[in-house]
């Protein structure tokens, strides 16, 4: 949706305020003052601090979730093709794709990861972890029924490993890595975790 120049100004000032002070510490009075608008003009666009934060991050956040779900479906598509042994290679390919998506929207994800306490996004990474564990266990369950997986992992360990992995991936944003450095980092990260998964669960 096309935004007016007024909206763009409010969003830019709001983004700076949230990045500097976090959601809870941000002041809408300060945003209104710096943007140079009346309170009436401001609240005509964004009725609350929550609405302003949501306008800054929702599109990026929801877009990543949708792409993440599509990646999970791509893994299930490997089963009838007899290509489940390619799962980890496919995961690494999608990881590169996700990182590009995140870096194209870096400020939005910086807000989500570092400034979202007190908003509906404060558990965003945890919710992604829950989604991944749920779908991966469904995937592994199907492979087990078909006799195409060797090994077993408890739900608790699965959740712990997945949480560690997602946290490590998002550290690229938390620590303001350049895109080039982040891409090199996730290649190393994928190698490490894929080796660990291979030791626990062998896909055939």
N, C-alpha and C. Protein backbone atom coordinates (compact mmCIF):
# COMPACT_ATOMS: atom_id res chain seq x y z
N UNK A 1 0.85 -1.19 0.00
CA UNK A 1 0.00 0.00 0.00
C UNK A 1 0.89 1.24 0.00
N UNK A 2 0.55 2.17 -0.85
CA UNK A 2 1.34 3.40 -0.98
C UNK A 2 1.14 4.27 0.26
N UNK A 3 2.25 4.77 0.81
CA UNK A 3 2.20 5.61 1.99
C UNK A 3 2.41 7.07 1.61
N UNK A 4 1.73 7.95 2.35
CA UNK A 4 1.89 9.37 2.10
C UNK A 4 3.24 9.84 2.63
N UNK A 5 3.65 11.03 2.23
CA UNK A 5 4.90 11.59 2.74
C UNK A 5 4.83 11.79 4.26
N UNK A 6 3.64 12.15 4.74
CA UNK A 6 3.47 12.31 6.18
C UNK A 6 3.72 10.98 6.89
N UNK A 7 3.13 9.91 6.38
CA UNK A 7 3.35 8.59 6.97
C UNK A 7 4.82 8.21 6.95
N UNK A 8 5.46 8.45 5.82
CA UNK A 8 6.87 8.09 5.70
C UNK A 8 7.71 8.84 6.74
N UNK A 9 7.39 10.11 6.95
CA UNK A 9 8.13 10.91 7.94
C UNK A 9 7.90 10.36 9.34
N UNK A 10 6.65 10.06 9.67
CA UNK A 10 6.33 9.51 10.98
C UNK A 10 7.04 8.18 11.20
N UNK A 11 7.02 7.33 10.19
CA UNK A 11 7.64 6.01 10.32
C UNK A 11 9.16 6.12 10.50
N UNK A 12 9.79 7.02 9.78
CA UNK A 12 11.23 7.19 9.90
C UNK A 12 11.61 7.69 11.28
N UNK A 13 10.88 8.68 11.77
CA UNK A 13 11.15 9.21 13.11
C UNK A 13 10.83 8.15 14.17
N UNK A 14 9.72 7.44 13.99
CA UNK A 14 9.35 6.38 14.93
C UNK A 14 10.38 5.26 14.98
N UNK A 15 10.89 4.91 13.82
CA UNK A 15 11.91 3.86 13.76
C UNK A 15 13.15 4.26 14.57
N UNK A 16 13.59 5.49 14.40
CA UNK A 16 14.75 5.97 15.16
C UNK A 16 14.49 5.95 16.66
N UNK A 17 13.30 6.36 17.04
CA UNK A 17 12.94 6.39 18.46
C UNK A 17 12.93 4.98 19.05
N UNK A 18 12.32 4.03 18.34
CA UNK A 18 12.27 2.65 18.82
C UNK A 18 13.66 2.01 18.87
N UNK A 19 14.47 2.26 17.86
CA UNK A 19 15.81 1.68 17.81
C UNK A 19 16.68 2.23 18.95
N UNK A 20 16.47 3.47 19.29
CA UNK A 20 17.28 4.09 20.34
C UNK A 20 16.81 3.70 21.74
N UNK A 21 15.49 3.62 21.93
CA UNK A 21 14.95 3.46 23.29
C UNK A 21 14.19 2.17 23.52
N UNK A 22 13.96 1.38 22.45
CA UNK A 22 13.12 0.21 22.60
C UNK A 22 11.66 0.60 22.64
N UNK A 23 10.78 -0.38 22.48
CA UNK A 23 9.34 -0.08 22.44
C UNK A 23 8.87 0.54 23.75
N UNK A 24 9.26 -0.06 24.86
CA UNK A 24 8.75 0.40 26.15
C UNK A 24 9.26 1.79 26.51
N UNK A 25 10.48 2.10 26.11
CA UNK A 25 11.05 3.39 26.45
C UNK A 25 10.73 4.50 25.46
N UNK A 26 10.18 4.14 24.32
CA UNK A 26 9.90 5.13 23.27
C UNK A 26 8.76 6.05 23.68
N UNK A 27 8.86 7.30 23.28
CA UNK A 27 7.84 8.29 23.61
C UNK A 27 7.17 8.78 22.34
N UNK A 28 5.86 8.62 22.27
CA UNK A 28 5.12 9.12 21.12
C UNK A 28 5.12 10.64 21.10
N UNK A 29 5.20 11.25 22.25
CA UNK A 29 5.28 12.71 22.30
C UNK A 29 6.56 13.18 21.60
N UNK A 30 7.65 12.44 21.84
CA UNK A 30 8.92 12.79 21.21
C UNK A 30 8.86 12.58 19.70
N UNK A 31 8.18 11.51 19.28
CA UNK A 31 8.04 11.23 17.85
C UNK A 31 7.24 12.34 17.17
N UNK A 32 6.13 12.71 17.77
CA UNK A 32 5.28 13.77 17.21
C UNK A 32 6.06 15.08 17.10
N UNK A 33 6.81 15.40 18.15
CA UNK A 33 7.57 16.65 18.16
C UNK A 33 8.64 16.65 17.10
N UNK A 34 9.41 15.55 17.01
CA UNK A 34 10.49 15.52 16.02
C UNK A 34 9.95 15.48 14.60
N UNK A 35 8.84 14.79 14.40
CA UNK A 35 8.25 14.70 13.06
C UNK A 35 7.69 16.05 12.61
N UNK A 36 7.36 16.90 13.57
CA UNK A 36 6.89 18.24 13.24
C UNK A 36 5.42 18.31 12.89
N UNK A 37 4.65 17.33 13.39
CA UNK A 37 3.21 17.33 13.12
C UNK A 37 2.44 17.58 14.41
N UNK A 38 1.19 17.89 14.27
CA UNK A 38 0.32 17.99 15.44
C UNK A 38 -0.03 16.58 15.91
N UNK A 39 -0.45 16.46 17.16
CA UNK A 39 -0.87 15.16 17.66
C UNK A 39 -2.06 14.63 16.87
N UNK A 40 -2.93 15.53 16.46
CA UNK A 40 -4.09 15.11 15.68
C UNK A 40 -3.68 14.49 14.36
N UNK A 41 -2.68 15.10 13.69
CA UNK A 41 -2.20 14.56 12.42
C UNK A 41 -1.55 13.20 12.63
N UNK A 42 -0.77 13.09 13.71
CA UNK A 42 -0.08 11.82 13.99
C UNK A 42 -1.09 10.70 14.27
N UNK A 43 -1.98 10.96 15.21
CA UNK A 43 -2.91 9.90 15.60
C UNK A 43 -3.97 9.63 14.53
N UNK A 44 -4.05 10.49 13.55
CA UNK A 44 -4.91 10.18 12.41
C UNK A 44 -4.36 9.04 11.57
N UNK A 45 -3.04 8.85 11.65
CA UNK A 45 -2.40 7.75 10.93
C UNK A 45 -2.17 6.53 11.82
N UNK A 46 -1.69 6.77 13.03
CA UNK A 46 -1.36 5.66 13.94
C UNK A 46 -1.96 5.97 15.30
N UNK A 47 -2.93 5.17 15.67
CA UNK A 47 -3.73 5.48 16.85
C UNK A 47 -3.00 5.21 18.16
N UNK A 48 -1.87 4.51 18.10
CA UNK A 48 -1.16 4.18 19.32
C UNK A 48 0.30 3.87 19.01
N UNK A 49 1.09 3.76 20.05
CA UNK A 49 2.49 3.37 19.89
C UNK A 49 2.58 1.97 19.30
N UNK A 50 1.69 1.11 19.75
CA UNK A 50 1.66 -0.27 19.24
C UNK A 50 1.38 -0.29 17.73
N UNK A 51 0.45 0.55 17.29
CA UNK A 51 0.11 0.61 15.87
C UNK A 51 1.29 1.09 15.04
N UNK A 52 2.04 2.04 15.58
CA UNK A 52 3.21 2.55 14.87
C UNK A 52 4.29 1.47 14.77
N UNK A 53 4.54 0.78 15.85
CA UNK A 53 5.54 -0.30 15.83
C UNK A 53 5.12 -1.39 14.85
N UNK A 54 3.85 -1.74 14.89
CA UNK A 54 3.33 -2.77 14.00
C UNK A 54 3.50 -2.37 12.54
N UNK A 55 3.27 -1.10 12.24
CA UNK A 55 3.42 -0.62 10.86
C UNK A 55 4.87 -0.75 10.38
N UNK A 56 5.81 -0.67 11.30
CA UNK A 56 7.22 -0.75 10.95
C UNK A 56 7.70 -2.17 10.73
N UNK A 57 7.07 -3.15 11.39
CA UNK A 57 7.64 -4.50 11.36
C UNK A 57 6.72 -5.59 10.83
N UNK A 58 5.42 -5.37 10.79
CA UNK A 58 4.50 -6.48 10.51
C UNK A 58 4.70 -7.10 9.14
N UNK A 59 4.90 -6.28 8.13
CA UNK A 59 5.06 -6.83 6.78
C UNK A 59 6.28 -7.73 6.69
N UNK A 60 7.40 -7.29 7.26
CA UNK A 60 8.62 -8.10 7.24
C UNK A 60 8.45 -9.37 8.05
N UNK A 61 7.88 -9.23 9.25
CA UNK A 61 7.71 -10.38 10.14
C UNK A 61 6.79 -11.43 9.53
N UNK A 62 5.65 -10.99 9.02
CA UNK A 62 4.69 -11.93 8.43
C UNK A 62 5.24 -12.56 7.16
N UNK A 63 5.99 -11.78 6.40
CA UNK A 63 6.58 -12.30 5.16
C UNK A 63 7.56 -13.41 5.42
N UNK A 64 8.37 -13.27 6.46
CA UNK A 64 9.33 -14.34 6.77
C UNK A 64 8.60 -15.60 7.21
N UNK A 65 7.55 -15.46 8.00
CA UNK A 65 6.78 -16.63 8.43
C UNK A 65 6.20 -17.35 7.23
N UNK A 66 5.64 -16.61 6.28
CA UNK A 66 5.05 -17.23 5.09
C UNK A 66 6.12 -17.96 4.28
N UNK A 67 7.28 -17.36 4.14
CA UNK A 67 8.36 -18.01 3.40
C UNK A 67 8.88 -19.23 4.14
N UNK A 68 8.86 -19.16 5.44
CA UNK A 68 9.29 -20.26 6.27
C UNK A 68 8.34 -21.46 6.10
N UNK A 69 7.05 -21.17 6.09
CA UNK A 69 6.07 -22.25 5.89
C UNK A 69 6.22 -22.87 4.51
N UNK A 70 6.50 -22.06 3.51
CA UNK A 70 6.70 -22.58 2.15
C UNK A 70 7.92 -23.49 2.11
N UNK A 71 8.96 -23.14 2.85
CA UNK A 71 10.17 -23.98 2.90
C UNK A 71 9.85 -25.33 3.54
N UNK A 72 9.02 -25.32 4.55
CA UNK A 72 8.65 -26.58 5.20
C UNK A 72 7.87 -27.47 4.23
N UNK A 73 6.98 -26.85 3.47
CA UNK A 73 6.23 -27.63 2.49
C UNK A 73 7.15 -28.21 1.42
N UNK A 74 8.19 -27.46 1.07
CA UNK A 74 9.15 -27.96 0.08
C UNK A 74 9.85 -29.21 0.59
N UNK A 75 10.07 -29.31 1.89
CA UNK A 75 10.67 -30.52 2.45
C UNK A 75 9.71 -31.70 2.33
N UNK A 76 8.44 -31.47 2.62
CA UNK A 76 7.47 -32.55 2.49
C UNK A 76 7.36 -33.02 1.03
N UNK A 77 7.58 -32.12 0.09
CA UNK A 77 7.52 -32.48 -1.33
C UNK A 77 8.64 -33.44 -1.72
N UNK A 78 9.70 -33.49 -0.90
CA UNK A 78 10.80 -34.41 -1.20
C UNK A 78 10.40 -35.87 -0.97
N UNK A 79 9.41 -36.11 -0.12
CA UNK A 79 9.06 -37.49 0.25
C UNK A 79 8.58 -38.29 -0.95
N UNK A 80 7.54 -37.84 -1.68
CA UNK A 80 7.09 -38.65 -2.84
C UNK A 80 8.13 -38.71 -3.96
N UNK A 81 9.08 -37.77 -3.96
CA UNK A 81 10.14 -37.79 -4.97
C UNK A 81 11.29 -38.72 -4.60
N UNK A 82 11.25 -39.27 -3.39
CA UNK A 82 12.33 -40.14 -2.93
C UNK A 82 13.64 -39.39 -2.72
N UNK A 83 13.55 -38.10 -2.35
CA UNK A 83 14.75 -37.27 -2.23
C UNK A 83 14.95 -36.73 -0.82
N UNK A 84 14.46 -37.45 0.18
CA UNK A 84 14.57 -36.94 1.54
C UNK A 84 16.02 -36.81 2.01
N UNK A 85 16.93 -37.53 1.39
CA UNK A 85 18.35 -37.38 1.75
C UNK A 85 18.87 -35.98 1.41
N UNK A 86 18.11 -35.25 0.57
CA UNK A 86 18.51 -33.89 0.20
C UNK A 86 18.00 -32.83 1.18
N UNK A 87 17.35 -33.26 2.24
CA UNK A 87 16.68 -32.32 3.15
C UNK A 87 17.64 -31.29 3.73
N UNK A 88 18.78 -31.73 4.16
CA UNK A 88 19.68 -30.77 4.82
C UNK A 88 20.31 -29.81 3.83
N UNK A 89 20.57 -30.28 2.64
CA UNK A 89 21.07 -29.38 1.60
C UNK A 89 20.00 -28.34 1.26
N UNK A 90 18.75 -28.78 1.20
CA UNK A 90 17.65 -27.85 0.92
C UNK A 90 17.51 -26.84 2.06
N UNK A 91 17.66 -27.29 3.29
CA UNK A 91 17.58 -26.38 4.43
C UNK A 91 18.63 -25.28 4.34
N UNK A 92 19.84 -25.64 3.92
CA UNK A 92 20.90 -24.65 3.79
C UNK A 92 20.59 -23.65 2.68
N UNK A 93 20.02 -24.13 1.59
CA UNK A 93 19.64 -23.24 0.50
C UNK A 93 18.59 -22.23 0.98
N UNK A 94 17.60 -22.70 1.71
CA UNK A 94 16.58 -21.80 2.22
C UNK A 94 17.16 -20.84 3.25
N UNK A 95 18.13 -21.29 4.03
CA UNK A 95 18.75 -20.40 5.01
C UNK A 95 19.38 -19.20 4.31
N UNK A 96 20.06 -19.42 3.20
CA UNK A 96 20.63 -18.31 2.43
C UNK A 96 19.52 -17.37 1.95
N UNK A 97 18.44 -17.94 1.48
CA UNK A 97 17.30 -17.16 0.99
C UNK A 97 16.70 -16.33 2.12
N UNK A 98 16.53 -16.96 3.30
CA UNK A 98 15.97 -16.24 4.45
C UNK A 98 16.88 -15.09 4.87
N UNK A 99 18.18 -15.33 4.87
CA UNK A 99 19.08 -14.27 5.31
C UNK A 99 19.04 -13.08 4.36
N UNK A 100 18.96 -13.34 3.07
CA UNK A 100 18.81 -12.25 2.12
C UNK A 100 17.53 -11.47 2.39
N UNK A 101 16.46 -12.19 2.65
CA UNK A 101 15.17 -11.55 2.95
C UNK A 101 15.31 -10.67 4.18
N UNK A 102 15.95 -11.18 5.21
CA UNK A 102 16.12 -10.43 6.46
C UNK A 102 16.97 -9.19 6.23
N UNK A 103 18.06 -9.33 5.49
CA UNK A 103 18.95 -8.19 5.29
C UNK A 103 18.35 -7.13 4.37
N UNK A 104 17.43 -7.54 3.51
CA UNK A 104 16.71 -6.56 2.70
C UNK A 104 15.75 -5.74 3.56
N UNK A 105 15.48 -6.22 4.78
CA UNK A 105 14.56 -5.55 5.71
C UNK A 105 15.22 -5.45 7.08
N UNK A 106 16.49 -5.10 7.06
CA UNK A 106 17.33 -5.19 8.25
C UNK A 106 16.76 -4.41 9.44
N UNK A 107 16.34 -3.17 9.23
CA UNK A 107 15.86 -2.35 10.34
C UNK A 107 14.62 -2.94 11.00
N UNK A 108 13.73 -3.51 10.19
CA UNK A 108 12.53 -4.12 10.75
C UNK A 108 12.90 -5.28 11.66
N UNK A 109 13.85 -6.10 11.24
CA UNK A 109 14.24 -7.24 12.07
C UNK A 109 15.08 -6.81 13.26
N UNK A 110 15.80 -5.72 13.12
CA UNK A 110 16.50 -5.17 14.29
C UNK A 110 15.49 -4.75 15.34
N UNK A 111 14.42 -4.13 14.92
CA UNK A 111 13.36 -3.75 15.85
C UNK A 111 12.73 -4.98 16.51
N UNK A 112 12.44 -6.01 15.72
CA UNK A 112 11.82 -7.22 16.25
C UNK A 112 12.72 -7.91 17.26
N UNK A 113 13.99 -8.01 16.95
CA UNK A 113 14.91 -8.79 17.76
C UNK A 113 15.43 -8.04 18.98
N UNK A 114 15.55 -6.73 18.89
CA UNK A 114 16.22 -5.96 19.94
C UNK A 114 15.33 -4.95 20.66
N UNK A 115 14.17 -4.64 20.10
CA UNK A 115 13.39 -3.52 20.63
C UNK A 115 11.93 -3.86 20.87
N UNK A 116 11.54 -5.13 20.80
CA UNK A 116 10.12 -5.48 20.76
C UNK A 116 9.53 -5.89 22.10
N UNK A 117 10.28 -5.83 23.19
CA UNK A 117 9.72 -6.19 24.50
C UNK A 117 8.50 -5.34 24.77
N UNK A 118 7.40 -6.01 25.13
CA UNK A 118 6.15 -5.31 25.36
C UNK A 118 5.21 -5.31 24.18
N UNK A 119 5.64 -5.88 23.06
CA UNK A 119 4.79 -5.99 21.87
C UNK A 119 4.49 -7.45 21.58
N UNK A 120 3.63 -7.67 20.61
CA UNK A 120 3.29 -9.04 20.23
C UNK A 120 4.44 -9.74 19.52
N UNK A 121 5.50 -9.02 19.24
CA UNK A 121 6.65 -9.60 18.55
C UNK A 121 7.77 -10.03 19.50
N UNK A 122 7.59 -9.84 20.80
CA UNK A 122 8.69 -10.11 21.71
C UNK A 122 9.06 -11.59 21.76
N UNK A 123 8.15 -12.47 21.35
CA UNK A 123 8.43 -13.91 21.31
C UNK A 123 8.51 -14.43 19.88
N UNK A 124 8.82 -13.54 18.96
CA UNK A 124 8.82 -13.89 17.53
C UNK A 124 9.73 -15.08 17.23
N UNK A 125 10.96 -15.06 17.73
CA UNK A 125 11.89 -16.15 17.44
C UNK A 125 11.40 -17.45 18.07
N UNK A 126 10.91 -17.36 19.29
CA UNK A 126 10.38 -18.56 19.95
C UNK A 126 9.23 -19.16 19.15
N UNK A 127 8.38 -18.32 18.60
CA UNK A 127 7.25 -18.81 17.81
C UNK A 127 7.72 -19.50 16.53
N UNK A 128 8.79 -18.96 15.93
CA UNK A 128 9.38 -19.64 14.76
C UNK A 128 9.94 -21.00 15.16
N UNK A 129 10.58 -21.05 16.30
CA UNK A 129 11.14 -22.32 16.80
C UNK A 129 10.02 -23.34 16.99
N UNK A 130 8.93 -22.92 17.63
CA UNK A 130 7.80 -23.82 17.85
C UNK A 130 7.25 -24.34 16.52
N UNK A 131 7.12 -23.47 15.56
CA UNK A 131 6.62 -23.86 14.24
C UNK A 131 7.56 -24.87 13.59
N UNK A 132 8.85 -24.60 13.66
CA UNK A 132 9.84 -25.51 13.06
C UNK A 132 9.81 -26.88 13.72
N UNK A 133 9.80 -26.91 15.04
CA UNK A 133 9.81 -28.19 15.75
C UNK A 133 8.55 -28.98 15.42
N UNK A 134 7.41 -28.32 15.44
CA UNK A 134 6.15 -29.01 15.14
C UNK A 134 6.17 -29.64 13.75
N UNK A 135 6.58 -28.85 12.74
CA UNK A 135 6.57 -29.36 11.38
C UNK A 135 7.67 -30.40 11.15
N UNK A 136 8.83 -30.19 11.75
CA UNK A 136 9.93 -31.14 11.58
C UNK A 136 9.58 -32.49 12.21
N UNK A 137 8.93 -32.47 13.35
CA UNK A 137 8.55 -33.73 13.98
C UNK A 137 7.48 -34.46 13.16
N UNK A 138 6.62 -33.70 12.54
CA UNK A 138 5.64 -34.32 11.63
C UNK A 138 6.35 -34.94 10.43
N UNK A 139 7.36 -34.22 9.94
CA UNK A 139 8.15 -34.71 8.80
C UNK A 139 8.92 -35.97 9.18
N UNK A 140 9.61 -35.93 10.29
CA UNK A 140 10.38 -37.10 10.72
C UNK A 140 9.46 -38.29 11.03
N UNK A 141 8.26 -37.99 11.55
CA UNK A 141 7.31 -39.06 11.83
C UNK A 141 6.90 -39.78 10.56
N UNK A 142 6.69 -39.03 9.50
CA UNK A 142 6.33 -39.65 8.22
C UNK A 142 7.48 -40.48 7.68
N UNK A 143 8.70 -39.96 7.80
CA UNK A 143 9.85 -40.73 7.33
C UNK A 143 10.03 -42.00 8.15
N UNK A 144 9.75 -41.92 9.44
CA UNK A 144 9.87 -43.11 10.29
C UNK A 144 8.86 -44.17 9.88
N UNK A 145 7.65 -43.75 9.56
CA UNK A 145 6.63 -44.69 9.12
C UNK A 145 7.03 -45.38 7.83
N UNK A 146 7.80 -44.68 7.00
CA UNK A 146 8.24 -45.25 5.73
C UNK A 146 9.59 -45.96 5.83
N UNK A 147 10.16 -45.97 7.01
CA UNK A 147 11.44 -46.63 7.21
C UNK A 147 12.58 -45.91 6.52
N UNK A 148 12.50 -44.58 6.45
CA UNK A 148 13.51 -43.80 5.71
C UNK A 148 14.30 -42.86 6.63
N UNK A 149 14.34 -43.21 7.90
CA UNK A 149 15.12 -42.43 8.85
C UNK A 149 15.70 -43.37 9.91
N UNK A 150 16.92 -43.10 10.29
CA UNK A 150 17.60 -43.88 11.32
C UNK A 150 17.94 -42.97 12.49
N UNK A 151 17.64 -43.43 13.70
CA UNK A 151 17.94 -42.65 14.88
C UNK A 151 16.67 -42.07 15.49
N UNK A 152 16.85 -41.44 16.64
CA UNK A 152 15.70 -40.84 17.35
C UNK A 152 16.20 -39.65 18.15
N UNK A 153 15.32 -38.65 18.31
CA UNK A 153 15.64 -37.49 19.12
C UNK A 153 14.42 -37.15 19.96
N UNK A 154 14.64 -36.83 21.23
CA UNK A 154 13.52 -36.46 22.09
C UNK A 154 13.01 -35.08 21.71
N UNK A 155 11.77 -34.81 22.07
CA UNK A 155 11.19 -33.50 21.79
C UNK A 155 11.98 -32.40 22.49
N UNK A 156 12.41 -32.68 23.72
CA UNK A 156 13.13 -31.67 24.49
C UNK A 156 14.45 -31.30 23.82
N UNK A 157 15.21 -32.31 23.38
CA UNK A 157 16.49 -32.02 22.72
C UNK A 157 16.26 -31.34 21.38
N UNK A 158 15.24 -31.79 20.68
CA UNK A 158 14.92 -31.19 19.38
C UNK A 158 14.63 -29.69 19.55
N UNK A 159 13.85 -29.37 20.55
CA UNK A 159 13.50 -27.97 20.80
C UNK A 159 14.74 -27.17 21.19
N UNK A 160 15.57 -27.74 22.02
CA UNK A 160 16.78 -27.04 22.47
C UNK A 160 17.71 -26.74 21.29
N UNK A 161 17.94 -27.74 20.45
CA UNK A 161 18.85 -27.56 19.31
C UNK A 161 18.28 -26.52 18.34
N UNK A 162 16.99 -26.62 18.06
CA UNK A 162 16.36 -25.68 17.13
C UNK A 162 16.41 -24.25 17.67
N UNK A 163 16.18 -24.10 18.96
CA UNK A 163 16.25 -22.79 19.58
C UNK A 163 17.66 -22.22 19.47
N UNK A 164 18.65 -23.05 19.73
CA UNK A 164 20.05 -22.60 19.62
C UNK A 164 20.38 -22.19 18.19
N UNK A 165 19.87 -22.94 17.23
CA UNK A 165 20.13 -22.66 15.83
C UNK A 165 19.51 -21.33 15.39
N UNK A 166 18.24 -21.14 15.73
CA UNK A 166 17.57 -19.90 15.34
C UNK A 166 18.21 -18.69 16.01
N UNK A 167 18.53 -18.84 17.29
CA UNK A 167 19.20 -17.75 18.00
C UNK A 167 20.51 -17.40 17.31
N UNK A 168 21.27 -18.42 16.93
CA UNK A 168 22.56 -18.19 16.28
C UNK A 168 22.39 -17.50 14.93
N UNK A 169 21.37 -17.87 14.18
CA UNK A 169 21.12 -17.23 12.88
C UNK A 169 20.81 -15.75 13.06
N UNK A 170 19.93 -15.45 14.00
CA UNK A 170 19.52 -14.06 14.20
C UNK A 170 20.58 -13.20 14.88
N UNK A 171 21.64 -13.83 15.38
CA UNK A 171 22.75 -13.05 15.94
C UNK A 171 23.38 -12.16 14.87
N UNK A 172 23.21 -12.52 13.61
CA UNK A 172 23.74 -11.69 12.53
C UNK A 172 23.18 -10.28 12.60
N UNK A 173 21.89 -10.18 12.91
CA UNK A 173 21.23 -8.88 13.01
C UNK A 173 21.54 -8.22 14.34
N UNK A 174 21.46 -9.00 15.41
CA UNK A 174 21.70 -8.46 16.75
C UNK A 174 23.07 -7.79 16.83
N UNK A 175 24.06 -8.41 16.17
CA UNK A 175 25.43 -7.89 16.22
C UNK A 175 25.81 -7.06 15.00
N UNK A 176 24.82 -6.67 14.21
CA UNK A 176 25.03 -5.75 13.09
C UNK A 176 26.12 -6.23 12.12
N UNK A 177 26.13 -7.52 11.82
CA UNK A 177 27.07 -8.03 10.83
C UNK A 177 26.75 -7.46 9.46
N UNK A 178 27.74 -7.25 8.65
CA UNK A 178 27.49 -6.91 7.25
C UNK A 178 26.85 -8.11 6.57
N UNK A 179 26.17 -7.87 5.47
CA UNK A 179 25.56 -8.98 4.75
C UNK A 179 26.62 -10.01 4.32
N UNK A 180 27.74 -9.52 3.84
CA UNK A 180 28.80 -10.42 3.39
C UNK A 180 29.31 -11.29 4.54
N UNK A 181 29.55 -10.68 5.69
CA UNK A 181 30.03 -11.44 6.85
C UNK A 181 28.96 -12.41 7.33
N UNK A 182 27.71 -11.97 7.31
CA UNK A 182 26.62 -12.82 7.77
C UNK A 182 26.47 -14.05 6.88
N UNK A 183 26.62 -13.88 5.58
CA UNK A 183 26.52 -15.01 4.66
C UNK A 183 27.62 -16.04 4.92
N UNK A 184 28.82 -15.57 5.16
CA UNK A 184 29.92 -16.49 5.46
C UNK A 184 29.67 -17.20 6.80
N UNK A 185 29.17 -16.46 7.75
CA UNK A 185 28.88 -17.00 9.08
C UNK A 185 27.84 -18.12 9.02
N UNK A 186 26.74 -17.90 8.28
CA UNK A 186 25.70 -18.93 8.26
C UNK A 186 26.13 -20.17 7.49
N UNK A 187 27.07 -20.04 6.56
CA UNK A 187 27.60 -21.23 5.90
C UNK A 187 28.31 -22.11 6.92
N UNK A 188 29.11 -21.48 7.78
CA UNK A 188 29.80 -22.22 8.83
C UNK A 188 28.80 -22.80 9.82
N UNK A 189 27.80 -22.01 10.15
CA UNK A 189 26.77 -22.45 11.09
C UNK A 189 26.00 -23.65 10.54
N UNK A 190 25.63 -23.60 9.28
CA UNK A 190 24.89 -24.70 8.66
C UNK A 190 25.72 -25.97 8.64
N UNK A 191 27.00 -25.85 8.33
CA UNK A 191 27.89 -27.02 8.34
C UNK A 191 27.92 -27.67 9.71
N UNK A 192 28.08 -26.84 10.73
CA UNK A 192 28.15 -27.34 12.10
C UNK A 192 26.87 -28.06 12.50
N UNK A 193 25.73 -27.42 12.29
CA UNK A 193 24.47 -28.02 12.72
C UNK A 193 24.09 -29.23 11.86
N UNK A 194 24.37 -29.17 10.57
CA UNK A 194 24.06 -30.32 9.71
C UNK A 194 24.85 -31.55 10.12
N UNK A 195 26.10 -31.36 10.51
CA UNK A 195 26.91 -32.50 10.98
C UNK A 195 26.31 -33.08 12.26
N UNK A 196 25.86 -32.20 13.13
CA UNK A 196 25.23 -32.67 14.36
C UNK A 196 23.95 -33.44 14.11
N UNK A 197 23.12 -32.91 13.21
CA UNK A 197 21.88 -33.60 12.88
C UNK A 197 22.16 -34.96 12.23
N UNK A 198 23.17 -35.01 11.39
CA UNK A 198 23.52 -36.28 10.73
C UNK A 198 23.91 -37.33 11.75
N UNK A 199 24.54 -36.89 12.84
CA UNK A 199 24.91 -37.83 13.88
C UNK A 199 23.72 -38.34 14.68
N UNK A 200 22.65 -37.55 14.71
CA UNK A 200 21.46 -37.94 15.46
C UNK A 200 20.41 -38.64 14.61
N UNK A 201 20.18 -38.11 13.42
CA UNK A 201 19.14 -38.61 12.53
C UNK A 201 19.68 -38.74 11.11
N UNK A 202 19.74 -39.92 10.62
CA UNK A 202 20.23 -40.14 9.25
C UNK A 202 19.03 -40.37 8.34
N UNK A 203 18.90 -39.51 7.31
CA UNK A 203 17.79 -39.60 6.37
C UNK A 203 18.21 -40.41 5.16
N UNK A 204 17.32 -41.29 4.70
CA UNK A 204 17.68 -42.16 3.57
C UNK A 204 16.69 -41.99 2.43
